[in-house]
Amino acid sequence: MRVAFLGLGRMGRRMARHILDAGHELVVWNRTPGRAEELLAAGAVAAADPAIAVRGADVCVLMLFDPESAADVLAQVTPAAKRGLLIVNCTTVGPAAARELGSTAATAGLRYLDAPVIGTVGPAEAGTLRVLVGATDDDLAAARDILETFGDPEKVEHVGAVGAASALKTVFNLGLAEGMAAVAEVLRYGTELGIDRDLLLRELAAGPLGYLVNYKRSMLETDDYAQVAFTVAGLAKDVRLATAAVTGRLPLAEATLEITSAAERAGHAGDDFAAMAAADVPAPA
């Protein structure tokens, strides 16, 4: 297949490499230049813009930052794409935006999969991401070969119609964010009480927050958040998508955004989301 891959960030370029390694013809585009060198050396072709990238493509994968960037790129894709092009949108956009983007694609005669991924850089590198799919049965069947290049075949999950996958993705990421906010607050509390940091982390690792504490243990011990799996800014964006998706308030989500904002003000926007703890927890004495 000829595949256009649009968006070569930390996740996208790893996902695109699996498509190329599977033997597909790959055309790539990224808003910020200079991120495609490794893919180009392996045989991919760079396009100057999204419209050029999708000319003649069978599949177009979007791996962008937010609903606005996805809408902007899709607007450039639709006039240039051949009828029936399969759009696989792996961007986390929220349920309402997913339905709107799907409608835009359908109006242009294109097929659309709402296909956000669960997993960070490690699974993207290994090609073992979990892929949530909101689409028709036929469109999922048409896209499955591509999805299974970067996703674990056992974890490509059809969860409903367009919008359902993005809804579930925001649920997952809201839980992740609120869990990390809880870790940050409990660390701050324990530290202010004068509890030794190692003892504090050992205790938390054995309790209900253990998954996140163990996952981010080395960062929490060293206060070094430069090895990024998922940025503070990216997680904060997803929490905002969650708060926008419902009519009532989500008080824990709002409190979590206070912590992500503090982390961003402290210069951690591009650091791993574990840096939420750095913004809310004083350094050990």
Protein backbone atom coordinates (compact mmCIF):
# COMPACT_ATOMS: atom_id res chain seq x y z
CA MET A 1 0.00 0.00 0.00
CA ARG A 2 0.98 3.61 -0.45
CA VAL A 3 0.73 5.28 2.97
CA ALA A 4 0.96 8.96 3.81
CA PHE A 5 2.04 9.53 7.41
CA LEU A 6 1.44 13.06 8.67
CA GLY A 7 3.04 14.02 11.98
CA LEU A 8 6.53 12.86 12.96
CA GLY A 9 6.76 13.67 16.62
CA ARG A 10 8.14 11.40 19.30
CA MET A 11 5.46 8.79 18.63
CA GLY A 12 4.77 9.35 14.96
CA ARG A 13 8.22 8.74 13.58
CA ARG A 14 8.45 5.43 15.43
CA MET A 15 5.04 4.32 14.20
CA ALA A 16 5.89 5.36 10.65
CA ARG A 17 9.07 3.29 10.72
CA HIS A 18 7.06 0.12 11.37
CA ILE A 19 4.89 0.85 8.34
CA LEU A 20 7.99 1.25 6.21
CA ASP A 21 9.63 -1.88 7.63
CA ALA A 22 6.49 -3.86 6.74
CA GLY A 23 7.16 -3.14 3.08
CA HIS A 24 4.66 -0.37 2.42
CA GLU A 25 5.46 2.67 0.30
CA LEU A 26 5.72 5.57 2.74
CA VAL A 27 5.39 9.31 2.16
CA VAL A 28 5.91 11.51 5.22
CA TRP A 29 5.23 15.09 6.23
CA ASN A 30 5.84 17.03 9.42
CA ARG A 31 5.03 20.65 10.21
CA THR A 32 8.47 21.17 11.77
CA PRO A 33 11.23 20.15 9.33
CA GLY A 34 14.19 17.99 10.21
CA ARG A 35 12.46 15.00 11.81
CA ALA A 36 12.32 12.63 8.85
CA GLU A 37 16.01 11.96 8.19
CA GLU A 38 16.07 8.42 9.56
CA LEU A 39 12.90 7.52 7.66
CA LEU A 40 14.22 9.04 4.44
CA ALA A 41 17.46 7.10 4.79
CA ALA A 42 15.36 3.92 5.12
CA GLY A 43 13.41 4.60 1.94
CA ALA A 44 10.56 6.96 2.80
CA VAL A 45 9.80 10.00 0.65
CA ALA A 46 9.23 13.47 2.12
CA ALA A 47 6.37 15.68 0.96
CA ALA A 48 6.33 19.46 1.18
CA ASP A 49 2.77 19.59 2.49
CA PRO A 50 -0.13 17.29 3.41
CA ALA A 51 -1.85 17.69 0.05
CA ILE A 52 1.22 16.46 -1.82
CA ALA A 53 1.70 13.65 0.68
CA VAL A 54 -1.74 12.10 0.06
CA ARG A 55 -1.74 12.21 -3.73
CA GLY A 56 -2.14 8.61 -4.84
CA ALA A 57 -2.16 7.31 -1.26
CA ASP A 58 -4.36 4.40 -0.16
CA VAL A 59 -4.10 5.22 3.54
CA CYS A 60 -3.32 8.43 5.41
CA VAL A 61 -2.27 8.22 9.07
CA LEU A 62 -2.54 11.35 11.22
CA MET A 63 -0.44 11.52 14.39
CA LEU A 64 -0.70 15.15 15.44
CA PHE A 65 -1.00 17.08 18.70
CA ASP A 66 -4.61 18.14 19.15
CA PRO A 67 -8.02 18.60 17.48
CA GLU A 68 -7.03 21.91 15.94
CA SER A 69 -3.92 20.55 14.23
CA ALA A 70 -5.85 17.50 13.02
CA ALA A 71 -8.61 19.67 11.56
CA ASP A 72 -6.07 21.94 9.87
CA VAL A 73 -4.24 19.03 8.25
CA LEU A 74 -7.45 17.24 7.24
CA ALA A 75 -8.61 20.42 5.52
CA GLN A 76 -5.47 20.25 3.37
CA VAL A 77 -5.90 16.53 2.72
CA THR A 78 -9.51 16.39 1.57
CA PRO A 79 -9.19 18.38 -1.69
CA ALA A 80 -6.13 16.41 -2.80
CA ALA A 81 -7.09 12.87 -1.79
CA LYS A 82 -8.54 10.29 -4.10
CA ARG A 83 -12.06 9.18 -3.32
CA GLY A 84 -12.13 6.37 -0.77
CA LEU A 85 -8.82 7.27 0.88
CA LEU A 86 -8.71 5.69 4.32
CA ILE A 87 -7.95 8.26 7.02
CA VAL A 88 -6.53 6.70 10.20
CA ASN A 89 -6.49 9.40 12.84
CA CYS A 90 -4.29 8.36 15.77
CA THR A 91 -4.32 11.88 17.25
CA THR A 92 -6.00 12.25 20.63
CA VAL A 93 -8.78 14.69 19.79
CA GLY A 94 -11.72 13.90 22.09
CA PRO A 95 -15.06 12.38 21.08
CA ALA A 96 -16.81 15.45 19.67
CA ALA A 97 -13.87 16.41 17.46
CA ALA A 98 -13.51 12.79 16.30
CA ARG A 99 -17.11 12.77 15.11
CA GLU A 100 -16.70 16.15 13.44
CA LEU A 101 -13.51 15.08 11.66
CA GLY A 102 -15.19 11.85 10.59
CA SER A 103 -18.09 13.81 9.15
CA THR A 104 -15.69 16.10 7.27
CA ALA A 105 -13.93 13.08 5.79
CA ALA A 106 -17.20 11.39 4.82
CA THR A 107 -18.49 14.56 3.12
CA ALA A 108 -15.32 14.56 1.01
CA GLY A 109 -15.84 10.91 0.02
CA LEU A 110 -13.14 9.58 2.34
CA ARG A 111 -13.26 6.78 4.93
CA TYR A 112 -12.32 7.54 8.52
CA LEU A 113 -11.03 5.61 11.51
CA ASP A 114 -10.97 7.15 14.95
CA ALA A 115 -7.84 5.29 16.13
CA PRO A 116 -6.02 6.81 19.13
CA VAL A 117 -3.25 4.71 20.62
CA ILE A 118 -2.51 3.79 24.21
CA GLY A 119 1.16 3.47 25.04
CA THR A 120 4.17 5.73 24.97
CA VAL A 121 7.57 5.76 23.30
CA GLY A 122 8.61 2.24 24.37
CA PRO A 123 5.60 0.43 22.86
CA ALA A 124 5.79 2.71 19.80
CA GLU A 125 9.40 1.67 19.30
CA ALA A 126 8.52 -2.00 19.76
CA GLY A 127 5.40 -1.89 17.59
CA THR A 128 3.22 -3.08 20.45
CA LEU A 129 0.87 -0.14 20.97
CA ARG A 130 -2.73 -0.69 21.94
CA VAL A 131 -4.97 0.78 19.23
CA LEU A 132 -8.54 1.78 20.06
CA VAL A 133 -10.71 1.88 16.96
CA GLY A 134 -13.98 3.67 16.33
CA ALA A 135 -15.09 2.82 12.80
CA THR A 136 -17.26 0.58 10.67
CA ASP A 137 -16.35 -3.09 10.44
CA ASP A 138 -15.38 -2.67 6.78
CA ASP A 139 -13.12 0.30 7.40
CA LEU A 140 -11.36 -1.47 10.27
CA ALA A 141 -10.83 -4.53 8.06
CA ALA A 142 -9.32 -2.31 5.36
CA ALA A 143 -6.96 -0.63 7.82
CA ARG A 144 -6.00 -3.61 9.96
CA ASP A 145 -2.78 -4.44 8.09
CA ILE A 146 -1.51 -0.91 8.73
CA LEU A 147 -2.70 -0.79 12.34
CA GLU A 148 -0.93 -4.05 13.09
CA THR A 149 2.43 -2.70 11.94
CA PHE A 150 2.67 -0.36 14.95
CA GLY A 151 0.02 -1.97 17.17
CA ASP A 152 0.01 -5.34 18.86
CA PRO A 153 -2.44 -7.45 16.77
CA GLU A 154 -4.02 -8.69 20.01
CA LYS A 155 -4.56 -5.10 21.15
CA VAL A 156 -6.25 -3.59 18.10
CA GLU A 157 -9.68 -3.16 19.70
CA HIS A 158 -12.88 -2.20 17.91
CA VAL A 159 -14.77 -0.26 20.57
CA GLY A 160 -17.62 1.20 18.54
CA ALA A 161 -18.42 3.88 15.99
CA VAL A 162 -16.36 6.97 15.22
CA GLY A 163 -15.97 8.91 18.47
CA ALA A 164 -16.10 5.89 20.77
CA ALA A 165 -12.36 5.30 20.65
CA SER A 166 -11.54 8.93 21.38
CA ALA A 167 -13.98 8.89 24.28
CA LEU A 168 -12.26 5.85 25.79
CA LYS A 169 -8.83 7.36 25.21
CA THR A 170 -9.75 10.49 27.17
CA VAL A 171 -11.04 8.29 30.00
CA PHE A 172 -7.71 6.46 30.11
CA ASN A 173 -5.61 9.61 30.01
CA LEU A 174 -7.74 11.40 32.58
CA GLY A 175 -7.12 8.51 34.97
CA LEU A 176 -3.41 8.66 34.22
CA ALA A 177 -3.26 12.39 34.88
CA GLU A 178 -5.30 12.29 38.07
CA GLY A 179 -3.20 9.37 39.32
CA MET A 180 0.01 11.31 38.74
CA ALA A 181 -1.51 14.33 40.44
CA ALA A 182 -2.24 12.15 43.46
CA VAL A 183 1.36 10.91 43.49
CA ALA A 184 2.57 14.52 43.38
CA GLU A 185 0.35 15.61 46.25
CA VAL A 186 1.11 12.66 48.49
CA LEU A 187 4.85 13.10 47.87
CA ARG A 188 4.53 16.75 48.80
CA TYR A 189 2.62 15.89 51.96
CA GLY A 190 5.09 13.22 53.05
CA THR A 191 8.08 15.41 52.27
CA GLU A 192 6.68 18.32 54.26
CA LEU A 193 6.19 15.96 57.18
CA GLY A 194 9.91 15.20 57.02
CA ILE A 195 9.61 11.58 55.88
CA ASP A 196 12.74 10.26 54.16
CA ARG A 197 12.20 10.24 50.38
CA ASP A 198 13.33 6.64 49.89
CA LEU A 199 11.05 5.44 52.66
CA LEU A 200 8.21 7.49 51.25
CA LEU A 201 8.61 6.05 47.75
CA ARG A 202 8.85 2.51 49.09
CA GLU A 203 5.62 2.95 51.01
CA LEU A 204 3.79 4.49 48.06
CA ALA A 205 5.09 1.78 45.71
CA ALA A 206 3.38 -0.85 47.86
CA GLY A 207 0.03 0.98 47.97
CA PRO A 208 -2.77 1.97 45.60
CA LEU A 209 -0.54 4.45 43.75
CA GLY A 210 2.09 1.77 43.22
CA TYR A 211 1.74 1.38 39.47
CA LEU A 212 2.65 4.99 38.74
CA VAL A 213 5.26 5.22 41.48
CA ASN A 214 7.03 2.11 40.18
CA TYR A 215 6.66 3.22 36.56
CA LYS A 216 8.30 6.59 37.31
CA ARG A 217 10.43 5.54 40.28
CA SER A 218 13.83 6.51 38.85
CA MET A 219 12.57 9.96 37.87
CA LEU A 220 10.99 10.54 41.26
CA GLU A 221 14.24 9.49 42.93
CA THR A 222 16.56 11.60 40.78
CA ASP A 223 14.32 14.56 39.92
CA ASP A 224 15.37 14.09 36.27
CA TYR A 225 12.43 14.11 33.86
CA ALA A 226 14.28 14.53 30.58
CA GLN A 227 13.71 10.95 29.29
CA VAL A 228 10.25 11.65 27.96
CA ALA A 229 7.52 9.07 27.45
CA PHE A 230 4.62 11.56 27.45
CA THR A 231 4.98 15.28 28.06
CA VAL A 232 3.32 17.39 30.72
CA ALA A 233 1.88 19.59 27.97
CA GLY A 234 0.46 16.62 26.09
CA LEU A 235 -1.21 15.17 29.17
CA ALA A 236 -2.60 18.57 30.17
CA LYS A 237 -4.12 18.91 26.71
CA ASP A 238 -5.89 15.59 27.15
CA VAL A 239 -7.26 16.58 30.55
CA ARG A 240 -8.69 19.72 28.96
CA LEU A 241 -10.30 17.56 26.27
CA ALA A 242 -11.93 15.51 29.02
CA THR A 243 -13.28 18.56 30.86
CA ALA A 244 -14.68 19.90 27.57
CA ALA A 245 -16.43 16.61 26.75
CA VAL A 246 -18.98 16.78 29.59
CA THR A 247 -21.48 19.40 30.69
CA GLY A 248 -20.80 19.13 34.42
CA ARG A 249 -17.63 19.95 36.29
CA LEU A 250 -14.83 17.46 36.87
CA PRO A 251 -13.30 18.87 40.07
CA LEU A 252 -10.39 16.40 40.24
CA ALA A 253 -9.54 17.16 36.63
CA GLU A 254 -9.57 20.88 37.39
CA ALA A 255 -7.24 20.33 40.34
CA THR A 256 -4.99 18.20 38.14
CA LEU A 257 -4.75 21.05 35.64
CA GLU A 258 -3.53 23.32 38.44
CA ILE A 259 -0.63 20.92 38.97
CA THR A 260 0.16 20.60 35.24
CA SER A 261 0.06 24.39 34.97
CA ALA A 262 2.50 24.69 37.87
CA ALA A 263 4.78 22.19 36.15
CA GLU A 264 4.61 24.15 32.91
CA ARG A 265 5.38 27.42 34.70
CA ALA A 266 8.38 25.71 36.28
CA GLY A 267 9.73 24.90 32.80
CA HIS A 268 8.58 21.27 32.58
CA ALA A 269 6.07 21.53 29.72
CA GLY A 270 8.26 19.42 27.44
CA ASP A 271 9.44 17.04 30.18
CA ASP A 272 7.93 13.72 31.10
CA PHE A 273 4.57 13.98 32.86
CA ALA A 274 6.17 12.66 36.06
CA ALA A 275 7.50 16.21 36.39
CA MET A 276 4.08 17.08 37.78
CA ALA A 277 5.63 15.90 41.03
CA ALA A 278 8.56 18.28 40.66
CA ALA A 279 6.23 21.23 40.42
CA ASP A 280 4.23 20.31 43.50
CA VAL A 281 6.82 18.70 45.76
CA PRO A 282 9.69 20.51 47.49
CA ALA A 283 13.14 19.07 46.99
CA PRO A 284 14.24 16.67 49.74
CA ALA A 285 16.25 18.30 52.53
